[in-house]
Protein backbone atom coordinates (compact mmCIF):
# COMPACT_ATOMS: atom_id res chain seq x y z
CA MET A 1 -15.05 -8.25 13.52
CA PHE A 2 -17.74 -5.36 14.17
CA TYR A 3 -19.27 -2.86 11.52
CA GLU A 4 -20.15 0.55 12.61
CA VAL A 5 -23.12 1.54 10.29
CA ARG A 6 -23.42 5.73 10.50
CA THR A 7 -26.80 7.11 8.67
CA TYR A 8 -27.18 10.46 8.27
CA ARG A 9 -30.64 12.21 6.99
CA LEU A 10 -29.40 15.28 5.50
CA ARG A 11 -31.57 18.57 4.68
CA ASN A 12 -33.55 18.73 1.68
CA GLY A 13 -31.16 18.83 -1.39
CA THR A 14 -27.64 18.77 0.27
CA VAL A 15 -26.80 15.43 -0.74
CA PRO A 16 -24.25 16.74 -3.35
CA ALA A 17 -22.70 19.52 -1.37
CA TYR A 18 -22.36 16.82 1.57
CA LEU A 19 -20.58 14.60 -0.64
CA LYS A 20 -18.46 17.16 -2.33
CA VAL A 21 -16.98 18.46 1.02
CA VAL A 22 -16.60 14.73 2.37
CA GLU A 23 -14.60 13.74 -0.71
CA GLU A 24 -12.51 16.72 -0.88
CA ASP A 25 -11.97 17.49 2.76
CA GLY A 26 -13.18 14.64 5.22
CA ILE A 27 -12.84 11.38 3.94
CA ALA A 28 -9.19 11.34 3.94
CA ILE A 29 -8.82 12.28 7.69
CA GLN A 30 -11.31 9.74 8.44
CA LYS A 31 -9.79 6.87 6.87
CA GLU A 32 -6.21 7.78 8.33
CA HIS A 33 -7.76 7.19 11.64
CA LEU A 34 -10.72 4.63 11.59
CA GLY A 35 -8.77 2.25 8.82
CA HIS A 36 -11.31 0.30 7.06
CA LEU A 37 -14.06 1.98 5.09
CA VAL A 38 -16.34 -0.85 4.18
CA GLY A 39 -18.73 1.73 1.75
CA TYR A 40 -20.27 5.36 1.59
CA PHE A 41 -23.58 5.23 -0.03
CA PHE A 42 -26.50 7.69 -0.64
CA SER A 43 -30.08 6.82 -1.28
CA GLU A 44 -31.56 6.74 -4.73
CA ILE A 45 -34.70 5.07 -3.89
CA GLY A 46 -36.65 4.87 -0.48
CA PRO A 47 -36.15 7.41 2.04
CA ILE A 48 -34.59 10.61 0.35
CA ASN A 49 -31.29 12.67 1.58
CA GLU A 50 -29.56 9.56 3.46
CA ILE A 51 -26.18 9.05 3.83
CA MET A 52 -24.80 5.58 5.10
CA HIS A 53 -21.20 4.74 5.52
CA ILE A 54 -19.80 1.72 7.03
CA TRP A 55 -16.19 1.07 8.90
CA ALA A 56 -14.82 -2.26 9.95
CA TYR A 57 -13.04 -2.63 13.41
CA THR A 58 -11.45 -5.60 14.91
CA SER A 59 -13.11 -5.03 18.26
CA LEU A 60 -15.18 -2.42 20.14
CA ASP A 61 -11.96 -1.18 21.96
CA ASP A 62 -10.48 -0.66 18.43
CA ARG A 63 -13.36 1.39 17.49
CA GLU A 64 -13.28 3.13 20.53
CA ARG A 65 -9.65 3.69 20.23
CA ARG A 66 -9.82 5.08 16.66
CA ARG A 67 -12.74 7.21 17.29
CA ALA A 68 -11.01 8.93 20.00
CA LEU A 69 -7.93 9.60 17.93
CA LEU A 70 -10.31 11.32 14.92
CA ALA A 71 -11.86 13.30 17.43
CA ALA A 72 -8.92 14.67 18.91
CA ASP A 73 -7.59 15.53 15.15
CA PRO A 74 -7.61 19.39 14.58
CA ARG A 75 -8.05 19.06 10.81
CA TRP A 76 -11.30 17.02 11.74
CA GLN A 77 -12.67 19.67 14.16
CA ALA A 78 -12.14 22.05 11.70
CA PHE A 79 -14.06 20.00 9.06
CA LEU A 80 -17.00 19.04 11.25
CA PRO A 81 -18.66 22.68 10.95
CA LYS A 82 -18.70 22.05 6.97
CA ILE A 83 -21.18 19.27 7.19
CA ARG A 84 -23.08 20.06 10.86
CA ASP A 85 -25.91 22.16 9.54
CA LEU A 86 -26.27 19.71 6.42
CA ILE A 87 -27.04 16.91 8.78
CA GLU A 88 -30.87 16.74 10.53
CA THR A 89 -30.40 13.13 12.07
CA ALA A 90 -27.71 10.89 12.96
CA GLU A 91 -28.08 7.26 13.70
CA ASN A 92 -25.44 4.68 14.71
CA LYS A 93 -25.30 0.88 14.93
CA ILE A 94 -23.04 -1.71 15.55
CA MET A 95 -23.46 -4.86 13.55
CA LYS A 96 -21.69 -8.23 13.71
CA PRO A 97 -21.62 -10.25 10.86
CA ALA A 98 -23.38 -13.63 10.96
CA ALA A 99 -21.00 -16.78 10.49
CA PHE A 100 -22.12 -17.57 7.16
CA SER A 101 -21.89 -13.55 5.64
CA PRO A 102 -19.56 -13.29 2.84
CA SER A 103 -17.72 -10.46 4.76
CA GLU A 104 -16.58 -12.71 7.53
CA ARG A 105 -15.64 -15.68 5.43
CA ALA A 106 -13.41 -13.40 3.48
CA GLY A 107 -11.69 -12.69 6.99
CA HIS A 108 -11.95 -8.70 6.72
CA HIS A 109 -9.03 -7.91 8.89
CA ASP A 110 -8.18 -4.81 6.95
CA ALA A 111 -9.51 -2.81 9.73
CA SER A 112 -6.17 -3.55 11.88
CA ARG A 113 -4.17 -3.23 8.59
CA GLN A 114 -4.11 0.70 8.82
CA GLU A 115 -2.97 1.67 12.00
CA PRO A 116 -3.03 5.49 13.22
């Protein structure tokens, strides 16, 4: 299992607007293509104006295939301009769980359950 951790630093004060447009217009498209959403978070303490979302994939090939399908979706292409100007910086990490990680022991094979 691979976990993609995407962290965005948003323009000051835009977290509510970002979350609203993602909830109303974006997350359904992402979930349709990307599969298993582990979590979607915003910072409360520490660095402010940060958004983090985590997606689980069975392999890097699975991630690449799913992200390509998302990028090709006209609905996603129409959605991107709604958030693009709210994001100042973006960071993307691919993480693997340790053998003793609760997520690994739980056998999170949900990422392969939703085929686009």
